[in-house]
N, C-alpha and C. Protein backbone atom coordinates (compact mmCIF):
# COMPACT_ATOMS: atom_id res chain seq x y z
N UNK A 1 -18.61 -15.16 1.06
CA UNK A 1 -19.91 -14.70 1.27
C UNK A 1 -19.05 -12.82 1.98
N UNK A 2 -19.74 -12.17 2.19
CA UNK A 2 -18.87 -10.58 1.91
C UNK A 2 -19.25 -10.39 3.53
N UNK A 3 -18.27 -10.15 4.34
CA UNK A 3 -18.35 -9.35 5.43
C UNK A 3 -18.87 -8.07 5.78
N UNK A 4 -19.84 -7.46 6.46
CA UNK A 4 -19.67 -6.06 5.86
C UNK A 4 -19.04 -5.27 6.77
N UNK A 5 -18.33 -3.86 6.51
CA UNK A 5 -17.52 -3.19 7.15
C UNK A 5 -17.52 -2.87 8.54
N UNK A 6 -16.56 -3.31 8.73
CA UNK A 6 -16.22 -2.50 10.44
C UNK A 6 -14.83 -1.65 10.83
N UNK A 7 -14.92 -1.19 12.23
CA UNK A 7 -13.93 -0.60 12.51
C UNK A 7 -13.18 -1.23 13.72
N UNK A 8 -12.10 -1.21 13.44
CA UNK A 8 -10.79 -2.09 14.37
C UNK A 8 -9.89 -1.43 14.76
N UNK A 9 -9.65 -0.63 16.37
CA UNK A 9 -9.38 -0.04 16.89
C UNK A 9 -8.13 -0.89 17.83
N UNK A 10 -6.53 -0.57 17.50
CA UNK A 10 -5.97 -1.58 18.33
C UNK A 10 -4.95 -0.85 19.04
N UNK A 11 -4.99 -1.12 20.13
CA UNK A 11 -4.38 0.33 20.80
C UNK A 11 -3.50 -0.89 21.57
N UNK A 12 -2.08 -0.40 21.00
CA UNK A 12 -0.73 -1.23 21.32
C UNK A 12 0.45 -0.40 21.06
N UNK A 13 1.07 -0.54 21.56
CA UNK A 13 2.27 0.53 22.06
C UNK A 13 3.81 0.22 21.40
N UNK A 14 3.56 -1.80 21.41
CA UNK A 14 4.77 -2.59 20.48
C UNK A 14 4.39 -2.80 19.21
N UNK A 15 5.25 -2.17 18.02
CA UNK A 15 4.76 -1.77 16.71
C UNK A 15 4.99 -3.57 16.30
N UNK A 16 5.83 -4.73 16.56
CA UNK A 16 5.13 -5.92 15.98
C UNK A 16 4.37 -6.59 16.38
N UNK A 17 3.37 -6.64 17.46
CA UNK A 17 2.74 -6.89 17.97
C UNK A 17 1.37 -6.35 17.31
N UNK A 18 1.38 -5.04 16.98
CA UNK A 18 0.26 -4.05 15.87
C UNK A 18 0.26 -4.81 15.15
N UNK A 19 1.68 -5.20 13.88
CA UNK A 19 1.65 -5.75 12.75
C UNK A 19 1.41 -6.83 12.30
N UNK A 20 0.93 -7.93 13.88
CA UNK A 20 1.08 -9.25 13.80
C UNK A 20 -1.06 -9.05 13.66
N UNK A 21 -1.21 -8.24 14.20
CA UNK A 21 -2.62 -8.24 14.53
C UNK A 21 -2.99 -7.34 13.12
N UNK A 22 -2.49 -6.85 12.86
CA UNK A 22 -3.31 -6.24 11.57
C UNK A 22 -3.01 -7.29 10.16
N UNK A 23 -1.76 -8.29 10.31
CA UNK A 23 -2.01 -9.22 9.14
C UNK A 23 -3.08 -9.96 9.74
N UNK A 24 -3.33 -10.29 10.42
CA UNK A 24 -4.24 -11.39 10.97
C UNK A 24 -6.04 -11.39 10.10
N UNK A 25 -6.22 -9.91 11.12
CA UNK A 25 -7.53 -9.53 10.38
C UNK A 25 -7.24 -9.34 8.68
N UNK A 26 -6.73 -8.56 8.28
CA UNK A 26 -6.17 -8.54 6.85
C UNK A 26 -6.45 -9.64 6.14
N UNK A 27 -5.74 -11.17 6.37
CA UNK A 27 -5.92 -12.30 5.96
C UNK A 27 -7.20 -12.61 6.15
N UNK A 28 -8.40 -12.62 7.05
CA UNK A 28 -9.24 -12.77 7.16
C UNK A 28 -10.37 -11.69 6.72
N UNK A 29 -10.29 -10.80 6.30
CA UNK A 29 -11.24 -9.61 5.85
C UNK A 29 -10.63 -8.63 5.20
N UNK A 30 -11.04 -8.58 4.16
CA UNK A 30 -10.43 -7.13 3.79
C UNK A 30 -11.83 -6.14 3.91
N UNK A 31 -12.47 -6.35 4.79
CA UNK A 31 -13.33 -5.07 5.21
C UNK A 31 -13.68 -4.42 6.06
N UNK A 32 -12.34 -4.82 7.32
CA UNK A 32 -12.21 -3.95 8.27
C UNK A 32 -10.77 -2.70 8.12
N UNK A 33 -11.71 -2.02 8.68
CA UNK A 33 -10.83 -0.61 8.32
C UNK A 33 -10.17 -0.48 9.88
N UNK A 34 -8.93 -0.78 9.95
CA UNK A 34 -7.66 -0.51 10.65
C UNK A 34 -7.45 0.77 11.35
N UNK A 35 -7.61 0.76 12.51
CA UNK A 35 -6.87 1.97 12.83
C UNK A 35 -5.67 1.75 14.35
N UNK A 36 -4.58 2.77 14.65
CA UNK A 36 -3.81 2.14 15.49
C UNK A 36 -3.76 3.45 16.28
N UNK A 37 -3.60 3.04 18.12
CA UNK A 37 -3.75 4.31 19.14
C UNK A 37 -2.24 3.77 19.70
N UNK A 38 -1.74 4.22 20.18
CA UNK A 38 -0.20 3.82 20.49
C UNK A 38 -0.41 4.22 22.58
N UNK A 39 -1.20 4.72 22.97
CA UNK A 39 -1.64 5.01 24.41
C UNK A 39 -3.02 5.11 24.42
N UNK A 40 -3.20 5.28 25.59
CA UNK A 40 -4.66 5.69 26.15
C UNK A 40 -5.35 6.52 25.71
N UNK A 41 -4.51 7.61 25.86
CA UNK A 41 -4.82 9.28 25.67
C UNK A 41 -5.20 9.28 24.36
N UNK A 42 -4.60 8.78 23.09
CA UNK A 42 -4.63 8.86 21.88
C UNK A 42 -5.86 7.79 21.56
N UNK A 43 -5.98 6.63 22.05
CA UNK A 43 -7.34 5.56 22.08
C UNK A 43 -8.80 6.91 22.07
N UNK A 44 -8.39 7.55 23.67
CA UNK A 44 -9.64 8.27 24.58
C UNK A 44 -10.21 9.23 22.81
N UNK A 45 -8.86 10.04 22.53
CA UNK A 45 -8.83 10.78 21.24
C UNK A 45 -9.76 10.26 20.23
N UNK A 46 -9.51 9.15 19.88
CA UNK A 46 -10.02 8.44 18.63
C UNK A 46 -11.48 8.38 18.24
N UNK A 47 -11.93 7.29 20.06
CA UNK A 47 -13.21 6.95 20.27
C UNK A 47 -14.21 8.17 19.99
N UNK A 48 -13.55 9.52 20.75
CA UNK A 48 -14.72 10.28 20.76
C UNK A 48 -15.00 11.29 19.69
N UNK A 49 -13.77 11.07 18.71
CA UNK A 49 -14.25 11.25 16.47
C UNK A 49 -15.07 10.20 16.18
N UNK A 50 -14.64 8.68 16.72
CA UNK A 50 -15.38 7.68 15.73
C UNK A 50 -15.15 6.75 16.49
N UNK A 51 -16.55 5.75 17.27
CA UNK A 51 -16.05 5.30 17.95
C UNK A 51 -15.77 3.55 17.57
N UNK A 52 -15.07 2.87 17.58
CA UNK A 52 -14.78 1.60 17.18
C UNK A 52 -15.50 0.36 17.28
N UNK A 53 -15.91 -0.56 16.21
CA UNK A 53 -16.61 -1.43 16.20
C UNK A 53 -15.73 -2.65 17.68
N UNK A 54 -15.62 -2.76 17.73
CA UNK A 54 -14.01 -3.77 18.21
C UNK A 54 -12.88 -2.85 18.59
N UNK A 55 -12.38 -3.09 20.04
CA UNK A 55 -11.37 -2.45 20.25
C UNK A 55 -10.08 -4.05 20.87
N UNK A 56 -9.13 -3.36 20.87
CA UNK A 56 -8.30 -4.33 21.23
C UNK A 56 -7.22 -3.65 21.95
N UNK A 57 -7.58 -3.50 23.68
CA UNK A 57 -6.40 -2.89 24.32
C UNK A 57 -5.54 -3.74 24.73
N UNK A 58 -4.24 -3.36 24.94
CA UNK A 58 -3.22 -3.63 25.48
C UNK A 58 -3.11 -3.75 26.90
N UNK A 59 -3.13 -4.39 27.87
CA UNK A 59 -3.22 -4.52 29.37
C UNK A 59 -1.98 -3.43 30.06
N UNK A 60 -0.91 -3.14 29.13
CA UNK A 60 0.41 -2.69 29.77
C UNK A 60 0.27 -1.15 29.25
N UNK A 61 -0.46 -0.15 28.76
CA UNK A 61 0.34 0.99 28.20
C UNK A 61 0.80 1.69 29.17
N UNK A 62 1.78 2.49 28.83
CA UNK A 62 3.14 3.32 29.33
C UNK A 62 1.77 4.07 30.46
N UNK A 63 0.60 4.95 29.50
CA UNK A 63 0.12 5.66 29.97
C UNK A 63 -1.41 5.29 31.23
N UNK A 64 -1.46 4.03 31.04
CA UNK A 64 -2.99 3.23 31.74
C UNK A 64 -3.26 2.47 32.85
N UNK A 65 -4.59 2.32 33.10
CA UNK A 65 -4.52 1.28 34.24
C UNK A 65 -5.49 0.67 33.64
N UNK A 66 -5.54 -0.69 33.40
CA UNK A 66 -6.93 -1.09 32.53
C UNK A 66 -7.95 -0.58 33.39
N UNK A 67 -8.18 -0.66 34.78
CA UNK A 67 -9.44 -0.38 35.91
C UNK A 67 -9.35 1.10 35.44
N UNK A 68 -8.61 2.14 35.16
CA UNK A 68 -9.30 3.36 34.45
C UNK A 68 -9.49 3.30 33.01
N UNK A 69 -9.27 2.03 32.30
CA UNK A 69 -9.81 2.12 30.92
C UNK A 69 -11.27 2.07 31.06
N UNK A 70 -11.87 1.09 32.18
CA UNK A 70 -12.94 0.21 32.10
C UNK A 70 -13.69 1.59 32.64
N UNK A 71 -13.24 2.19 33.55
CA UNK A 71 -14.25 3.49 34.41
C UNK A 71 -14.84 4.06 32.87
N UNK A 72 -13.89 4.35 32.20
CA UNK A 72 -13.81 5.28 31.14
C UNK A 72 -14.61 5.03 30.10
N UNK A 73 -14.76 3.51 30.01
CA UNK A 73 -15.50 3.16 28.62
C UNK A 73 -17.00 2.62 28.93
N UNK A 74 -17.26 2.40 30.33
CA UNK A 74 -18.35 2.39 30.99
C UNK A 74 -18.91 3.78 31.14
N UNK A 75 -18.51 5.12 31.09
CA UNK A 75 -18.96 6.11 30.98
C UNK A 75 -19.53 6.71 30.34
N UNK A 76 -18.47 6.32 28.64
CA UNK A 76 -18.83 6.58 27.30
C UNK A 76 -19.60 5.66 26.58
N UNK A 77 -20.83 6.07 26.27
CA UNK A 77 -21.88 5.00 25.50
C UNK A 77 -21.43 4.76 24.55
N UNK A 78 -20.47 5.35 23.83
CA UNK A 78 -20.06 5.03 22.58
C UNK A 78 -19.21 3.80 22.73
N UNK A 79 -18.08 3.59 23.43
CA UNK A 79 -17.07 2.71 23.63
C UNK A 79 -17.25 1.36 24.75
N UNK A 80 -18.55 1.72 24.93
CA UNK A 80 -19.49 0.81 26.46
C UNK A 80 -19.28 -0.67 25.97
N UNK A 81 -19.66 -0.44 24.15
CA UNK A 81 -19.73 -2.42 23.74
C UNK A 81 -18.47 -2.52 22.98
N UNK A 82 -17.96 -1.96 22.92
CA UNK A 82 -16.33 -2.17 22.25
C UNK A 82 -14.78 -2.73 22.69
N UNK A 83 -15.03 -2.24 23.99
CA UNK A 83 -13.38 -2.57 24.70
C UNK A 83 -13.42 -4.35 24.72
N UNK A 84 -12.08 -4.62 24.16
CA UNK A 84 -11.34 -6.02 24.45
C UNK A 84 -9.96 -6.10 25.46
N UNK A 85 -10.18 -6.47 26.32
CA UNK A 85 -8.54 -6.00 27.43
C UNK A 85 -8.16 -7.61 26.27
N UNK A 86 -6.76 -7.16 26.11
CA UNK A 86 -5.56 -8.17 25.45
C UNK A 86 -4.40 -8.36 26.11
N UNK A 87 -4.08 -9.88 25.77
CA UNK A 87 -2.67 -9.58 26.74
C UNK A 87 -1.64 -10.77 26.23
N UNK A 88 -0.78 -10.22 24.99
CA UNK A 88 0.42 -10.80 24.99
C UNK A 88 1.23 -11.92 25.21
N UNK A 89 1.39 -13.08 25.24
CA UNK A 89 2.24 -14.00 26.01
C UNK A 89 3.96 -13.72 25.31
N UNK A 90 4.79 -12.70 25.84
CA UNK A 90 5.72 -12.31 25.34
C UNK A 90 7.12 -13.54 25.89
N UNK A 91 7.90 -13.98 25.19
CA UNK A 91 8.73 -14.95 25.89
C UNK A 91 9.61 -14.33 26.71
């Protein structure tokens, strides 16, 4: 069964974590179009141009507070349904 294509936006400033997420999605489906933002400001620019179907958001980006992003997403109808905060367990 083929999955319909979807747009995934990974918002993460740690390259090794981005790589792991990309590998996981690529292993599960070939239909994901994956884009990466390394800051909140870059995320905002990207979703203004094209809203993702799924956005995985790092809780501790250097230029963001999670509550600030939740406020932005709730005010922007294109991102309201797509944000998903994530936290990585780092040793």
